Amino acid sequence: MSLDNKLDQVLGRFQEIESLMSSGDLSSEEFSRLSKEYSDLTPLTDLIRDYKKAKTDAHQTSEIMIDPLSDKEMKALAEEDFYRLKELIPVLEKDIQMMLLPKDAADAKNAILEIRAGTGGDEAALFVADLFGMYRRYAMDHGWRFEVMEVSESDIGGIRQVVVEVIGRNVFSRLKFESGVHRVQRVPDTEASGRIHTSAATVAVLAEAEDVDMNIDDKDLRIDVFRASGAGGQHVNKTESAVRITHIPTGVVVQQQDEKSQHKNKARAMKILRSRLYEAQRQKLDSERAANRKEQVGSGDRSERIRTYNFPQGRVTDHRINLTVYKLDRVISGECLDEIIDPLITEDQAAKLSEMTW
């Protein structure tokens, strides 16, 4: 289907919705559904109409320019309009193509952010603490809520693993490319010889799933309760507040013990479980869609090395798009993380555009 045919199809659907909504023959549910579709299509429809008008105006001005009956002043005005429109039309076309790209249904969702220490022992745990601080500052700068659901700290001030709920507008759309292995190269404070060590941490970003996204049958769950262990106060030895939930069909296990209430721990565990299963479903669909894609911005696989933070050189390199920025201190603080995330989003959009046939 050509782009013009696709645009005519969109305009036709928009007009059909207008007609249906004005008919008065719809149930409240149908009217609500069509109202949402109408609202979603309105910005695209406005853009298409601007694009079609610009093409029509460009054609008319070109005819004036070559018309022997047109006077000199009229031709000059037509020529000025023509070149202005010739610059505007590709911009409008690109904007339309971007709006026509398939939407990731998860983009508007909140996210479950999991960071775990990988190779590197204590230094890896310290790196997890750095990444935790980076995402916390980033969330704060974007006006998002950043709520710790589970944390396991190391003896020297690091974090072995942490699970966070990030709540706000379009959280997942901006964080989803952070999934993978993050590597750090630096001289640990405990290294007397000044030798550079390489450590790693694994980041997983899951779209927070609702019941409507992922229906889990109770019979597929095994729920165990037990006494919590580790830091948290004397209550951990007196009540069975910790909860472990196993999803039997997939073998996915989630454990929560940070809350004093068994009910709260179960609710948190279910939220994480639902999001992990939803992410597995999304990954399967994405893999199927990307089967013929030659280039893509990472698979989101947790085993894939995506980024290196090199402290001696003060640089951060994202290996998926060969991007290096020499602002490590401002990236790791979260202040300049968008300078990496924005190009990743742009690259992903370009890859999707290259797959589209008009």
Protein backbone atom coordinates (compact mmCIF):
# COMPACT_ATOMS: atom_id res chain seq x y z
CA MET A 1 0.00 0.00 0.00
CA SER A 2 1.37 3.43 -0.98
CA LEU A 3 1.65 6.21 1.61
CA ASP A 4 -1.10 8.22 -0.12
CA ASN A 5 -3.44 5.21 -0.05
CA LYS A 6 -2.68 4.69 3.63
CA LEU A 7 -3.45 8.35 4.35
CA ASP A 8 -6.73 8.14 2.45
CA GLN A 9 -7.57 5.07 4.51
CA VAL A 10 -6.96 6.99 7.76
CA LEU A 11 -9.08 9.93 6.58
CA GLY A 12 -11.84 7.54 5.53
CA ARG A 13 -11.87 5.89 8.94
CA PHE A 14 -11.92 9.29 10.67
CA GLN A 15 -14.94 10.38 8.62
CA GLU A 16 -16.65 7.05 9.29
CA ILE A 17 -16.21 7.55 13.05
CA GLU A 18 -17.61 11.10 12.81
CA SER A 19 -20.67 9.76 11.01
CA LEU A 20 -21.21 6.93 13.51
CA MET A 21 -20.87 9.24 16.51
CA SER A 22 -23.39 11.70 15.12
CA SER A 23 -25.93 8.98 14.27
CA GLY A 24 -27.21 8.61 17.83
CA ASP A 25 -27.56 4.83 17.40
CA LEU A 26 -24.62 3.81 19.58
CA SER A 27 -24.54 2.27 23.02
CA SER A 28 -22.58 4.12 25.68
CA GLU A 29 -19.79 1.53 25.43
CA GLU A 30 -19.55 1.87 21.63
CA PHE A 31 -19.65 5.66 21.85
CA SER A 32 -16.86 5.64 24.46
CA ARG A 33 -14.71 3.34 22.33
CA LEU A 34 -15.21 5.42 19.19
CA SER A 35 -14.57 8.65 21.10
CA LYS A 36 -11.17 7.36 22.15
CA GLU A 37 -10.33 6.27 18.59
CA TYR A 38 -11.52 9.66 17.31
CA SER A 39 -9.34 11.46 19.84
CA ASP A 40 -6.34 9.29 18.96
CA LEU A 41 -6.77 9.88 15.22
CA THR A 42 -7.40 13.65 15.39
CA PRO A 43 -3.72 14.80 15.54
CA LEU A 44 -2.79 12.46 12.67
CA THR A 45 -5.79 13.55 10.63
CA ASP A 46 -4.91 17.23 11.09
CA LEU A 47 -1.36 16.49 9.96
CA ILE A 48 -2.55 14.56 6.89
CA ARG A 49 -4.82 17.43 5.87
CA ASP A 50 -1.95 19.91 6.24
CA TYR A 51 0.25 17.60 4.15
CA LYS A 52 -2.33 17.20 1.38
CA LYS A 53 -3.00 20.95 1.29
CA ALA A 54 0.73 21.67 1.08
CA LYS A 55 1.06 19.28 -1.89
CA THR A 56 -1.94 20.85 -3.62
CA ASP A 57 -0.64 24.38 -3.01
CA ALA A 58 2.83 23.41 -4.29
CA HIS A 59 1.30 22.07 -7.50
CA GLN A 60 -0.77 25.23 -8.00
CA THR A 61 2.17 27.57 -7.39
CA SER A 62 4.34 25.58 -9.82
CA GLU A 63 1.70 26.07 -12.51
CA ILE A 64 1.67 29.83 -11.86
CA MET A 65 5.49 29.88 -12.19
CA ILE A 66 5.38 28.35 -15.69
CA ASP A 67 2.23 30.10 -16.89
CA PRO A 68 3.21 32.62 -19.58
CA LEU A 69 0.17 34.73 -18.67
CA SER A 70 1.34 35.24 -15.07
CA ASP A 71 2.94 38.63 -14.42
CA LYS A 72 6.44 38.96 -12.93
CA GLU A 73 5.29 39.88 -9.41
CA MET A 74 2.84 36.96 -9.24
CA LYS A 75 5.53 34.54 -10.42
CA ALA A 76 7.94 35.83 -7.77
CA LEU A 77 5.35 35.28 -5.02
CA ALA A 78 4.52 31.84 -6.39
CA GLU A 79 8.18 30.90 -6.50
CA GLU A 80 8.67 31.99 -2.88
CA ASP A 81 5.66 29.91 -1.79
CA PHE A 82 6.77 26.96 -3.91
CA TYR A 83 10.20 26.63 -2.30
CA ARG A 84 8.75 27.13 1.17
CA LEU A 85 6.27 24.31 0.54
CA LYS A 86 8.97 22.08 -0.98
CA GLU A 87 10.81 22.32 2.35
CA LEU A 88 7.65 21.84 4.42
CA ILE A 89 6.28 18.77 2.61
CA PRO A 90 9.11 16.33 3.56
CA VAL A 91 8.89 17.51 7.19
CA LEU A 92 5.13 16.85 7.29
CA GLU A 93 5.65 13.48 5.58
CA LYS A 94 8.25 12.43 8.14
CA ASP A 95 5.98 13.51 11.00
CA ILE A 96 3.13 11.50 9.52
CA GLN A 97 5.32 8.41 9.11
CA MET A 98 6.39 8.69 12.74
CA MET A 99 2.75 8.85 13.86
CA LEU A 100 1.92 5.82 11.70
CA LEU A 101 4.58 3.66 13.33
CA PRO A 102 3.15 0.72 15.27
CA LYS A 103 2.75 1.74 18.90
CA ASP A 104 4.16 -0.33 21.73
CA ALA A 105 1.13 -0.86 23.96
CA ALA A 106 3.43 -0.95 26.99
CA ASP A 107 5.06 2.46 26.39
CA ALA A 108 2.63 4.42 28.57
CA LYS A 109 2.92 1.98 31.48
CA ASN A 110 4.81 2.24 34.74
CA ALA A 111 7.90 0.07 35.07
CA ILE A 112 9.44 -2.46 37.41
CA LEU A 113 13.19 -1.81 37.47
CA GLU A 114 15.46 -4.63 38.65
CA ILE A 115 19.21 -4.12 39.14
CA ARG A 116 21.47 -6.99 40.22
CA ALA A 117 25.20 -7.28 40.82
CA GLY A 118 27.03 -9.45 38.30
CA THR A 119 30.72 -10.29 38.06
CA GLY A 120 33.00 -8.27 40.29
CA GLY A 121 32.05 -9.05 43.89
CA ASP A 122 31.94 -6.02 46.19
CA GLU A 123 32.81 -3.66 43.35
CA ALA A 124 29.79 -4.92 41.35
CA ALA A 125 27.55 -4.20 44.36
CA LEU A 126 28.96 -0.66 44.56
CA PHE A 127 28.21 -0.25 40.84
CA VAL A 128 24.61 -1.36 41.43
CA ALA A 129 24.36 1.38 44.05
CA ASP A 130 25.64 3.88 41.44
CA LEU A 131 23.07 2.74 38.86
CA PHE A 132 20.34 2.86 41.50
CA GLY A 133 21.28 6.49 42.23
CA MET A 134 21.39 7.29 38.50
CA TYR A 135 17.86 6.02 37.88
CA ARG A 136 16.52 7.61 41.07
CA ARG A 137 17.82 11.05 40.01
CA TYR A 138 16.55 10.48 36.47
CA ALA A 139 13.09 9.61 37.79
CA MET A 140 13.08 12.65 40.06
CA ASP A 141 14.03 14.95 37.15
CA HIS A 142 11.12 13.56 35.12
CA GLY A 143 8.62 13.93 37.94
CA TRP A 144 8.21 10.17 38.41
CA ARG A 145 7.72 8.32 41.71
CA PHE A 146 10.53 5.93 42.61
CA GLU A 147 9.45 3.34 45.15
CA VAL A 148 11.81 0.62 46.39
CA MET A 149 10.07 -2.76 46.56
CA GLU A 150 13.01 -4.95 47.54
CA VAL A 151 16.66 -4.27 48.38
CA SER A 152 19.60 -6.37 49.52
CA GLU A 153 22.59 -4.31 50.63
CA SER A 154 26.23 -5.39 50.83
CA ASP A 155 28.49 -4.97 53.84
CA ILE A 156 30.47 -2.05 52.39
CA GLY A 157 27.60 0.20 51.28
CA GLY A 158 26.82 -1.42 47.96
CA ILE A 159 23.63 -3.10 46.77
CA ARG A 160 23.51 -6.75 45.73
CA GLN A 161 20.08 -6.37 44.17
CA VAL A 162 17.23 -3.92 44.19
CA VAL A 163 13.72 -3.90 42.72
CA VAL A 164 11.98 -0.56 42.19
CA GLU A 165 8.57 0.51 40.97
CA VAL A 166 8.80 3.62 38.77
CA ILE A 167 5.48 5.40 38.40
CA GLY A 168 4.71 8.23 36.01
CA ARG A 169 3.91 9.32 32.48
CA ASN A 170 5.44 7.17 29.70
CA VAL A 171 7.96 5.63 32.07
CA PHE A 172 8.44 2.38 30.17
CA SER A 173 8.91 4.13 26.81
CA ARG A 174 12.01 5.88 28.15
CA LEU A 175 13.47 3.15 30.34
CA LYS A 176 12.89 0.03 28.24
CA PHE A 177 16.22 0.28 26.39
CA GLU A 178 18.11 0.09 29.71
CA SER A 179 17.65 -3.69 29.92
CA GLY A 180 20.88 -5.62 29.62
CA VAL A 181 24.36 -5.88 31.11
CA HIS A 182 25.99 -2.62 32.21
CA ARG A 183 29.78 -2.80 32.62
CA VAL A 184 32.01 -0.52 34.70
CA GLN A 185 35.76 -0.04 34.40
CA ARG A 186 37.44 1.79 37.27
CA VAL A 187 40.00 1.57 40.07
CA PRO A 188 38.27 0.35 43.25
CA ASP A 189 38.96 2.23 46.49
CA THR A 190 40.40 -0.99 47.91
CA GLU A 191 42.90 -1.40 45.04
CA ALA A 192 46.30 -0.28 46.35
CA SER A 193 48.16 -0.76 43.05
CA GLY A 194 45.79 1.43 41.05
CA ARG A 195 44.79 -1.44 38.74
CA ILE A 196 41.56 -0.98 36.77
CA HIS A 197 38.87 -3.56 37.52
CA THR A 198 35.93 -4.51 35.31
CA SER A 199 32.63 -5.31 37.00
CA ALA A 200 29.08 -5.71 35.76
CA ALA A 201 25.47 -5.31 36.77
CA THR A 202 22.33 -6.61 35.14
CA VAL A 203 19.38 -4.29 34.57
CA ALA A 204 15.89 -5.50 33.68
CA VAL A 205 13.06 -3.08 32.93
CA LEU A 206 9.60 -4.64 32.93
CA ALA A 207 6.37 -2.94 31.93
CA GLU A 208 4.12 -3.01 34.97
CA ALA A 209 1.25 -5.27 33.99
CA GLU A 210 -2.33 -4.92 35.18
CA ASP A 211 -4.82 -7.75 35.64
CA VAL A 212 -6.26 -6.93 32.24
CA ASP A 213 -2.81 -7.37 30.62
CA MET A 214 -1.92 -10.66 32.25
CA ASN A 215 -4.60 -12.90 33.68
CA ILE A 216 -3.03 -15.44 36.05
CA ASP A 217 -5.04 -18.47 37.14
CA ASP A 218 -4.84 -19.14 40.87
CA LYS A 219 -4.38 -22.86 40.24
CA ASP A 220 -1.11 -22.05 38.43
CA LEU A 221 0.38 -20.54 41.58
CA ARG A 222 2.14 -22.09 44.56
CA ILE A 223 2.33 -19.63 47.47
CA ASP A 224 4.68 -20.29 50.39
CA VAL A 225 4.92 -18.11 53.50
CA PHE A 226 7.87 -18.11 55.87
CA ARG A 227 9.76 -16.00 58.36
CA ALA A 228 11.80 -13.24 56.78
CA SER A 229 15.56 -13.26 57.20
CA GLY A 230 18.16 -10.51 57.27
CA ALA A 231 17.78 -6.88 58.28
CA GLY A 232 14.37 -5.55 59.10
CA GLY A 233 13.82 -5.68 62.86
CA GLN A 234 12.73 -8.29 65.37
CA HIS A 235 9.44 -8.95 63.62
CA VAL A 236 11.29 -11.01 61.02
CA ASN A 237 11.80 -13.80 63.54
CA LYS A 238 8.29 -13.80 64.95
CA THR A 239 5.84 -13.80 62.05
CA GLU A 240 5.63 -15.58 58.73
CA SER A 241 5.40 -12.34 56.74
CA ALA A 242 7.67 -13.29 53.82
CA VAL A 243 6.00 -14.63 50.69
CA ARG A 244 7.32 -16.76 47.85
CA ILE A 245 5.13 -17.21 44.77
CA THR A 246 5.94 -19.79 42.10
CA HIS A 247 4.22 -19.67 38.71
CA ILE A 248 4.07 -23.41 38.03
CA PRO A 249 3.70 -23.38 34.20
CA THR A 250 6.81 -21.21 33.67
CA GLY A 251 8.80 -21.85 36.83
CA VAL A 252 9.10 -18.11 37.52
CA VAL A 253 9.65 -17.50 41.25
CA VAL A 254 9.17 -14.18 43.06
CA GLN A 255 9.94 -13.59 46.73
CA GLN A 256 9.10 -10.58 48.89
CA GLN A 257 9.95 -9.97 52.53
CA ASP A 258 10.66 -6.25 52.90
CA GLU A 259 7.20 -5.40 54.29
CA LYS A 260 6.04 -6.43 57.78
CA SER A 261 2.64 -7.41 56.38
CA GLN A 262 2.23 -10.76 54.61
CA HIS A 263 -0.62 -9.20 52.61
CA LYS A 264 1.60 -6.36 51.34
CA ASN A 265 4.43 -8.75 50.49
CA LYS A 266 2.03 -10.95 48.53
CA ALA A 267 0.63 -7.93 46.64
CA ARG A 268 4.14 -6.78 45.72
CA ALA A 269 5.20 -10.27 44.68
CA MET A 270 2.14 -10.60 42.45
CA LYS A 271 2.87 -7.23 40.85
CA ILE A 272 6.42 -8.32 40.01
CA LEU A 273 5.31 -11.78 38.84
CA ARG A 274 2.62 -10.33 36.59
CA SER A 275 5.13 -7.91 35.06
CA ARG A 276 7.73 -10.63 34.46
CA LEU A 277 5.20 -12.85 32.69
CA TYR A 278 3.92 -9.87 30.68
CA GLU A 279 7.48 -9.03 29.64
CA ALA A 280 8.12 -12.62 28.54
CA GLN A 281 4.99 -12.42 26.40
CA ARG A 282 6.11 -9.07 24.92
CA GLN A 283 9.60 -10.41 24.18
CA LYS A 284 8.13 -13.38 22.34
CA LEU A 285 5.97 -11.12 20.18
CA ASP A 286 8.86 -8.69 19.58
CA SER A 287 11.13 -11.56 18.53
CA GLU A 288 8.56 -12.73 16.03
CA ARG A 289 8.13 -9.22 14.62
CA ALA A 290 11.90 -8.67 14.45
CA ALA A 291 12.72 -12.02 12.86
CA ASN A 292 13.51 -10.37 9.52
CA ARG A 293 14.95 -7.15 10.91
CA LYS A 294 18.61 -6.72 10.00
CA GLU A 295 19.33 -4.01 12.51
CA GLN A 296 17.65 -3.24 15.80
CA VAL A 297 18.42 -1.47 19.06
CA GLY A 298 19.17 -4.43 21.26
CA SER A 299 16.88 -7.27 22.12
CA GLY A 300 16.44 -6.27 25.75
CA ASP A 301 18.04 -9.59 26.66
CA ARG A 302 19.48 -9.40 30.16
CA SER A 303 22.62 -11.26 28.97
CA GLU A 304 23.42 -8.69 26.30
CA ARG A 305 26.20 -6.23 27.14
CA ILE A 306 24.78 -2.86 26.24
CA ARG A 307 26.88 -0.15 27.89
CA THR A 308 30.30 0.51 29.42
CA TYR A 309 31.08 3.18 32.01
CA ASN A 310 34.83 3.85 31.83
CA PHE A 311 35.88 6.03 34.77
CA PRO A 312 39.59 6.57 33.89
CA GLN A 313 38.56 8.01 30.50
CA GLY A 314 35.40 9.69 31.79
CA ARG A 315 33.31 8.14 29.04
CA VAL A 316 30.11 6.16 28.63
CA THR A 317 29.72 3.99 25.52
CA ASP A 318 26.47 2.42 24.38
CA HIS A 319 27.54 -0.52 22.23
CA ARG A 320 24.21 -0.95 20.41
CA ILE A 321 24.49 2.33 18.53
CA ASN A 322 28.24 2.97 18.92
CA LEU A 323 27.56 6.13 20.89
CA THR A 324 30.20 7.54 23.24
CA VAL A 325 29.73 10.58 25.47
CA TYR A 326 32.48 12.05 27.63
CA LYS A 327 30.18 13.08 30.47
CA LEU A 328 30.41 10.04 32.72
CA ASP A 329 29.94 11.97 35.96
CA ARG A 330 26.79 13.68 34.64
CA VAL A 331 25.41 10.47 33.12
CA ILE A 332 25.96 8.39 36.27
CA SER A 333 24.27 11.15 38.27
CA GLY A 334 21.22 10.82 35.99
CA GLU A 335 21.54 14.42 34.81
CA CYS A 336 22.59 13.57 31.22
CA LEU A 337 21.13 10.08 30.81
CA ASP A 338 18.72 11.44 28.18
CA GLU A 339 21.73 12.09 25.94
CA ILE A 340 21.95 8.31 25.60
CA ILE A 341 18.26 7.40 25.81
CA ASP A 342 17.12 9.88 23.13
CA PRO A 343 19.47 8.48 20.41
CA LEU A 344 18.37 4.95 21.33
CA ILE A 345 14.73 5.91 20.81
CA THR A 346 15.59 7.64 17.51
CA GLU A 347 17.52 4.58 16.29
CA ASP A 348 14.62 2.30 17.17
CA GLN A 349 12.20 4.54 15.29
CA ALA A 350 14.51 4.58 12.26
CA ALA A 351 14.69 0.78 12.30
CA LYS A 352 10.90 0.54 12.41
CA LEU A 353 10.55 3.10 9.60
CA SER A 354 12.90 1.06 7.41
CA GLU A 355 10.57 -1.92 7.80
CA MET A 356 7.46 -0.01 6.76
CA THR A 357 6.24 -0.32 3.18
CA TRP A 358 4.09 2.49 1.86
